[in-house]
Amino acid sequence: MKESDAKTKWCPMIQVSVVPEAETETNRGWRRGLDYDCIGSECMMWRWKDAERVSGYCGLAAHIQ
């Protein structure tokens, strides 16, 4: 799928805290204003499907050809 489409999907790997003082790199929910969606190529699990980097997929999901 296109990265822009992926960014509209919920990500099960989000780690958040309801404590504002707990601002850390893993506390994405607080830092990004409770954004639970995919971050696409900013994520270490994102995999590009093609060399042109037009479409890709979540590395947690199975790649279907």
PDB file of N, CA and C in Angstrom:
ATOM      1  N   MET A   1       0.828  -1.164   0.000  1.00  0.00           N
ATOM      2  CA  MET A   1       0.000   0.000   0.000  1.00  0.00           C
ATOM      3  C   MET A   1       0.881   1.239   0.000  1.00  0.00           C
ATOM      4  N   LYS A   2       0.316   2.352  -0.405  1.00  0.00           N
ATOM      5  CA  LYS A   2       1.055   3.607  -0.375  1.00  0.00           C
ATOM      6  C   LYS A   2       1.279   4.000   1.080  1.00  0.00           C
ATOM      7  N   GLU A   3       2.413   4.637   1.336  1.00  0.00           N
ATOM      8  CA  GLU A   3       2.739   5.036   2.701  1.00  0.00           C
ATOM      9  C   GLU A   3       1.673   5.981   3.268  1.00  0.00           C
ATOM     10  N   SER A   4       1.135   6.848   2.433  1.00  0.00           N
ATOM     11  CA  SER A   4       0.097   7.782   2.905  1.00  0.00           C
ATOM     12  C   SER A   4      -1.155   7.038   3.363  1.00  0.00           C
ATOM     13  N   ASP A   5      -1.472   5.912   2.710  1.00  0.00           N
ATOM     14  CA  ASP A   5      -2.612   5.093   3.133  1.00  0.00           C
ATOM     15  C   ASP A   5      -2.302   4.365   4.435  1.00  0.00           C
ATOM     16  N   ALA A   6      -1.071   3.884   4.563  1.00  0.00           N
ATOM     17  CA  ALA A   6      -0.672   3.176   5.782  1.00  0.00           C
ATOM     18  C   ALA A   6      -0.775   4.084   7.003  1.00  0.00           C
ATOM     19  N   LYS A   7      -0.474   5.353   6.816  1.00  0.00           N
ATOM     20  CA  LYS A   7      -0.499   6.298   7.935  1.00  0.00           C
ATOM     21  C   LYS A   7      -1.904   6.577   8.449  1.00  0.00           C
ATOM     22  N   THR A   8      -2.919   6.033   7.804  1.00  0.00           N
ATOM     23  CA  THR A   8      -4.295   6.175   8.293  1.00  0.00           C
ATOM     24  C   THR A   8      -4.734   4.942   9.071  1.00  0.00           C
ATOM     25  N   LYS A   9      -3.843   3.963   9.211  1.00  0.00           N
ATOM     26  CA  LYS A   9      -4.160   2.703   9.894  1.00  0.00           C
ATOM     27  C   LYS A   9      -3.631   2.715  11.322  1.00  0.00           C
ATOM     28  N   TRP A  10      -4.363   2.057  12.204  1.00  0.00           N
ATOM     29  CA  TRP A  10      -3.980   1.940  13.599  1.00  0.00           C
ATOM     30  C   TRP A  10      -2.770   1.021  13.746  1.00  0.00           C
ATOM     31  N   CYS A  11      -1.853   1.367  14.633  1.00  0.00           N
ATOM     32  CA  CYS A  11      -0.667   0.549  14.889  1.00  0.00           C
ATOM     33  C   CYS A  11      -0.779  -0.111  16.261  1.00  0.00           C
ATOM     34  N   PRO A  12      -0.652  -1.448  16.333  1.00  0.00           N
ATOM     35  CA  PRO A  12      -0.759  -2.147  17.614  1.00  0.00           C
ATOM     36  C   PRO A  12       0.491  -2.023  18.482  1.00  0.00           C
ATOM     37  N   MET A  13       1.557  -1.435  17.955  1.00  0.00           N
ATOM     38  CA  MET A  13       2.814  -1.362  18.694  1.00  0.00           C
ATOM     39  C   MET A  13       3.006  -0.051  19.456  1.00  0.00           C
ATOM     40  N   ILE A  14       2.009   0.822  19.457  1.00  0.00           N
ATOM     41  CA  ILE A  14       2.118   2.108  20.136  1.00  0.00           C
ATOM     42  C   ILE A  14       2.262   1.907  21.637  1.00  0.00           C
ATOM     43  N   GLN A  15       3.161   2.653  22.244  1.00  0.00           N
ATOM     44  CA  GLN A  15       3.315   2.669  23.693  1.00  0.00           C
ATOM     45  C   GLN A  15       3.071   4.091  24.156  1.00  0.00           C
ATOM     46  N   VAL A  16       2.114   4.256  25.052  1.00  0.00           N
ATOM     47  CA  VAL A  16       1.780   5.600  25.518  1.00  0.00           C
ATOM     48  C   VAL A  16       1.732   5.646  27.037  1.00  0.00           C
ATOM     49  N   SER A  17       1.803   6.860  27.543  1.00  0.00           N
ATOM     50  CA  SER A  17       1.677   7.095  28.967  1.00  0.00           C
ATOM     51  C   SER A  17       0.725   8.267  29.159  1.00  0.00           C
ATOM     52  N   VAL A  18      -0.054   8.223  30.204  1.00  0.00           N
ATOM     53  CA  VAL A  18      -0.956   9.334  30.496  1.00  0.00           C
ATOM     54  C   VAL A  18      -0.284  10.365  31.390  1.00  0.00           C
ATOM     55  N   VAL A  19       0.978  10.147  31.697  1.00  0.00           N
ATOM     56  CA  VAL A  19       1.729  11.055  32.554  1.00  0.00           C
ATOM     57  C   VAL A  19       2.560  11.989  31.680  1.00  0.00           C
ATOM     58  N   PRO A  20       2.261  13.298  31.666  1.00  0.00           N
ATOM     59  CA  PRO A  20       3.001  14.223  30.806  1.00  0.00           C
ATOM     60  C   PRO A  20       4.497  14.249  31.077  1.00  0.00           C
ATOM     61  N   GLU A  21       4.888  14.031  32.317  1.00  0.00           N
ATOM     62  CA  GLU A  21       6.310  14.080  32.663  1.00  0.00           C
ATOM     63  C   GLU A  21       7.093  12.917  32.074  1.00  0.00           C
ATOM     64  N   ALA A  22       6.388  11.890  31.609  1.00  0.00           N
ATOM     65  CA  ALA A  22       7.054  10.695  31.072  1.00  0.00           C
ATOM     66  C   ALA A  22       7.357  10.862  29.590  1.00  0.00           C
ATOM     67  N   GLU A  23       7.847  12.020  29.205  1.00  0.00           N
ATOM     68  CA  GLU A  23       8.145  12.270  27.798  1.00  0.00           C
ATOM     69  C   GLU A  23       9.435  11.555  27.410  1.00  0.00           C
ATOM     70  N   THR A  24       9.290  10.458  26.698  1.00  0.00           N
ATOM     71  CA  THR A  24      10.425   9.681  26.227  1.00  0.00           C
ATOM     72  C   THR A  24      10.188   9.346  24.766  1.00  0.00           C
ATOM     73  N   GLU A  25      11.179   8.780  24.130  1.00  0.00           N
ATOM     74  CA  GLU A  25      11.042   8.405  22.724  1.00  0.00           C
ATOM     75  C   GLU A  25       9.971   7.340  22.510  1.00  0.00           C
ATOM     76  N   THR A  26       9.754   6.465  23.492  1.00  0.00           N
ATOM     77  CA  THR A  26       8.740   5.423  23.333  1.00  0.00           C
ATOM     78  C   THR A  26       7.352   5.905  23.705  1.00  0.00           C
ATOM     79  N   ASN A  27       7.257   7.081  24.284  1.00  0.00           N
ATOM     80  CA  ASN A  27       5.967   7.617  24.691  1.00  0.00           C
ATOM     81  C   ASN A  27       5.372   8.443  23.547  1.00  0.00           C
ATOM     82  N   ARG A  28       5.180   7.808  22.411  1.00  0.00           N
ATOM     83  CA  ARG A  28       4.727   8.496  21.219  1.00  0.00           C
ATOM     84  C   ARG A  28       3.334   9.087  21.356  1.00  0.00           C
ATOM     85  N   GLY A  29       2.473   8.442  22.117  1.00  0.00           N
ATOM     86  CA  GLY A  29       1.119   8.926  22.272  1.00  0.00           C
ATOM     87  C   GLY A  29       1.055  10.305  22.897  1.00  0.00           C
ATOM     88  N   TRP A  30       1.856  10.541  23.929  1.00  0.00           N
ATOM     89  CA  TRP A  30       1.847  11.856  24.559  1.00  0.00           C
ATOM     90  C   TRP A  30       2.538  12.876  23.660  1.00  0.00           C
ATOM     91  N   ARG A  31       3.670  12.503  23.125  1.00  0.00           N
ATOM     92  CA  ARG A  31       4.475  13.421  22.336  1.00  0.00           C
ATOM     93  C   ARG A  31       3.766  13.856  21.057  1.00  0.00           C
ATOM     94  N   ARG A  32       3.011  12.974  20.447  1.00  0.00           N
ATOM     95  CA  ARG A  32       2.350  13.292  19.185  1.00  0.00           C
ATOM     96  C   ARG A  32       0.862  13.566  19.363  1.00  0.00           C
ATOM     97  N   GLY A  33       0.429  13.822  20.556  1.00  0.00           N
ATOM     98  CA  GLY A  33      -0.968  14.159  20.764  1.00  0.00           C
ATOM     99  C   GLY A  33      -1.910  12.988  20.570  1.00  0.00           C
ATOM    100  N   LEU A  34      -1.577  11.870  21.171  1.00  0.00           N
ATOM    101  CA  LEU A  34      -2.389  10.648  21.102  1.00  0.00           C
ATOM    102  C   LEU A  34      -2.634  10.189  19.671  1.00  0.00           C
ATOM    103  N   ASP A  35      -1.579  10.113  18.898  1.00  0.00           N
ATOM    104  CA  ASP A  35      -1.631   9.646  17.522  1.00  0.00           C
ATOM    105  C   ASP A  35      -1.280   8.162  17.519  1.00  0.00           C
ATOM    106  N   TYR A  36      -2.273   7.320  17.324  1.00  0.00           N
ATOM    107  CA  TYR A  36      -2.060   5.871  17.385  1.00  0.00           C
ATOM    108  C   TYR A  36      -1.897   5.249  16.005  1.00  0.00           C
ATOM    109  N   ASP A  37      -1.722   6.049  14.987  1.00  0.00           N
ATOM    110  CA  ASP A  37      -1.635   5.532  13.623  1.00  0.00           C
ATOM    111  C   ASP A  37      -0.205   5.158  13.248  1.00  0.00           C
ATOM    112  N   CYS A  38      -0.102   4.396  12.192  1.00  0.00           N
ATOM    113  CA  CYS A  38       1.180   3.989  11.608  1.00  0.00           C
ATOM    114  C   CYS A  38       1.998   5.224  11.260  1.00  0.00           C
ATOM    115  N   ILE A  39       3.305   5.130  11.406  1.00  0.00           N
ATOM    116  CA  ILE A  39       4.179   6.237  11.026  1.00  0.00           C
ATOM    117  C   ILE A  39       4.974   5.893   9.766  1.00  0.00           C
ATOM    118  N   GLY A  40       4.585   4.811   9.108  1.00  0.00           N
ATOM    119  CA  GLY A  40       5.184   4.460   7.815  1.00  0.00           C
ATOM    120  C   GLY A  40       6.679   4.251   7.882  1.00  0.00           C
ATOM    121  N   SER A  41       7.402   4.900   6.979  1.00  0.00           N
ATOM    122  CA  SER A  41       8.840   4.680   6.865  1.00  0.00           C
ATOM    123  C   SER A  41       9.636   5.231   8.046  1.00  0.00           C
ATOM    124  N   GLU A  42       9.001   5.956   8.953  1.00  0.00           N
ATOM    125  CA  GLU A  42       9.677   6.393  10.169  1.00  0.00           C
ATOM    126  C   GLU A  42       9.837   5.232  11.157  1.00  0.00           C
ATOM    127  N   CYS A  43       9.128   4.139  10.915  1.00  0.00           N
ATOM    128  CA  CYS A  43       9.151   2.967  11.790  1.00  0.00           C
ATOM    129  C   CYS A  43      10.215   1.975  11.325  1.00  0.00           C
ATOM    130  N   MET A  44      10.896   1.361  12.269  1.00  0.00           N
ATOM    131  CA  MET A  44      11.918   0.370  11.926  1.00  0.00           C
ATOM    132  C   MET A  44      11.329  -0.890  11.298  1.00  0.00           C
ATOM    133  N   MET A  45      10.041  -1.118  11.478  1.00  0.00           N
ATOM    134  CA  MET A  45       9.411  -2.317  10.916  1.00  0.00           C
ATOM    135  C   MET A  45       8.865  -2.102   9.504  1.00  0.00           C
ATOM    136  N   TRP A  46       8.841  -0.862   9.017  1.00  0.00           N
ATOM    137  CA  TRP A  46       8.326  -0.571   7.680  1.00  0.00           C
ATOM    138  C   TRP A  46       9.243  -1.182   6.623  1.00  0.00           C
ATOM    139  N   ARG A  47       8.665  -1.831   5.639  1.00  0.00           N
ATOM    140  CA  ARG A  47       9.409  -2.453   4.547  1.00  0.00           C
ATOM    141  C   ARG A  47       8.898  -1.911   3.223  1.00  0.00           C
ATOM    142  N   TRP A  48       9.820  -1.483   2.376  1.00  0.00           N
ATOM    143  CA  TRP A  48       9.427  -1.026   1.048  1.00  0.00           C
ATOM    144  C   TRP A  48       9.208  -2.231   0.150  1.00  0.00           C
ATOM    145  N   LYS A  49       8.158  -2.197  -0.647  1.00  0.00           N
ATOM    146  CA  LYS A  49       7.838  -3.296  -1.554  1.00  0.00           C
ATOM    147  C   LYS A  49       8.633  -3.185  -2.851  1.00  0.00           C
ATOM    148  N   ASP A  50       8.982  -1.962  -3.255  1.00  0.00           N
ATOM    149  CA  ASP A  50       9.675  -1.765  -4.520  1.00  0.00           C
ATOM    150  C   ASP A  50      10.861  -0.820  -4.343  1.00  0.00           C
ATOM    151  N   ALA A  51      11.780  -0.866  -5.281  1.00  0.00           N
ATOM    152  CA  ALA A  51      12.984  -0.042  -5.206  1.00  0.00           C
ATOM    153  C   ALA A  51      12.675   1.445  -5.340  1.00  0.00           C
ATOM    154  N   GLU A  52      11.583   1.791  -5.977  1.00  0.00           N
ATOM    155  CA  GLU A  52      11.204   3.190  -6.164  1.00  0.00           C
ATOM    156  C   GLU A  52      10.589   3.803  -4.908  1.00  0.00           C
ATOM    157  N   ARG A  53      10.341   2.971  -3.914  1.00  0.00           N
ATOM    158  CA  ARG A  53       9.743   3.396  -2.645  1.00  0.00           C
ATOM    159  C   ARG A  53       8.385   4.060  -2.848  1.00  0.00           C
ATOM    160  N   VAL A  54       7.565   3.428  -3.668  1.00  0.00           N
ATOM    161  CA  VAL A  54       6.212   3.906  -3.911  1.00  0.00           C
ATOM    162  C   VAL A  54       5.241   3.234  -2.953  1.00  0.00           C
ATOM    163  N   SER A  55       5.413   1.945  -2.748  1.00  0.00           N
ATOM    164  CA  SER A  55       4.527   1.218  -1.850  1.00  0.00           C
ATOM    165  C   SER A  55       5.344   0.343  -0.916  1.00  0.00           C
ATOM    166  N   GLY A  56       4.735   0.027   0.201  1.00  0.00           N
ATOM    167  CA  GLY A  56       5.405  -0.785   1.207  1.00  0.00           C
ATOM    168  C   GLY A  56       4.394  -1.469   2.103  1.00  0.00           C
ATOM    169  N   TYR A  57       4.876  -1.978   3.230  1.00  0.00           N
ATOM    170  CA  TYR A  57       3.999  -2.698   4.141  1.00  0.00           C
ATOM    171  C   TYR A  57       4.647  -2.766   5.520  1.00  0.00           C
ATOM    172  N   CYS A  58       3.842  -3.098   6.513  1.00  0.00           N
ATOM    173  CA  CYS A  58       4.329  -3.270   7.864  1.00  0.00           C
ATOM    174  C   CYS A  58       5.099  -4.586   7.955  1.00  0.00           C
ATOM    175  N   GLY A  59       6.274  -4.538   8.507  1.00  0.00           N
ATOM    176  CA  GLY A  59       7.076  -5.750   8.651  1.00  0.00           C
ATOM    177  C   GLY A  59       6.478  -6.759   9.623  1.00  0.00           C
ATOM    178  N   LEU A  60       5.497  -6.339  10.431  1.00  0.00           N
ATOM    179  CA  LEU A  60       4.819  -7.276  11.326  1.00  0.00           C
ATOM    180  C   LEU A  60       3.836  -8.146  10.574  1.00  0.00           C
ATOM    181  N   ALA A  61       3.379  -7.644   9.437  1.00  0.00           N
ATOM    182  CA  ALA A  61       2.393  -8.379   8.635  1.00  0.00           C
ATOM    183  C   ALA A  61       3.120  -9.236   7.602  1.00  0.00           C
ATOM    184  N   ALA A  62       2.454 -10.272   7.153  1.00  0.00           N
ATOM    185  CA  ALA A  62       3.022 -11.111   6.106  1.00  0.00           C
ATOM    186  C   ALA A  62       3.002 -10.361   4.785  1.00  0.00           C
ATOM    187  N   HIS A  63       4.053 -10.521   4.002  1.00  0.00           N
ATOM    188  CA  HIS A  63       4.129  -9.867   2.686  1.00  0.00           C
ATOM    189  C   HIS A  63       3.420 -10.764   1.669  1.00  0.00           C
ATOM    190  N   ILE A  64       2.406 -10.237   1.030  1.00  0.00           N
ATOM    191  CA  ILE A  64       1.665 -10.990   0.014  1.00  0.00           C
ATOM    192  C   ILE A  64       2.074 -10.462  -1.344  1.00  0.00           C
ATOM    193  N   GLN A  65       2.541 -11.351  -2.202  1.00  0.00           N
ATOM    194  CA  GLN A  65       2.994 -10.921  -3.539  1.00  0.00           C
ATOM    195  C   GLN A  65       1.865 -10.828  -4.510  1.00  0.00           C
TER     196      GLN A  65
END
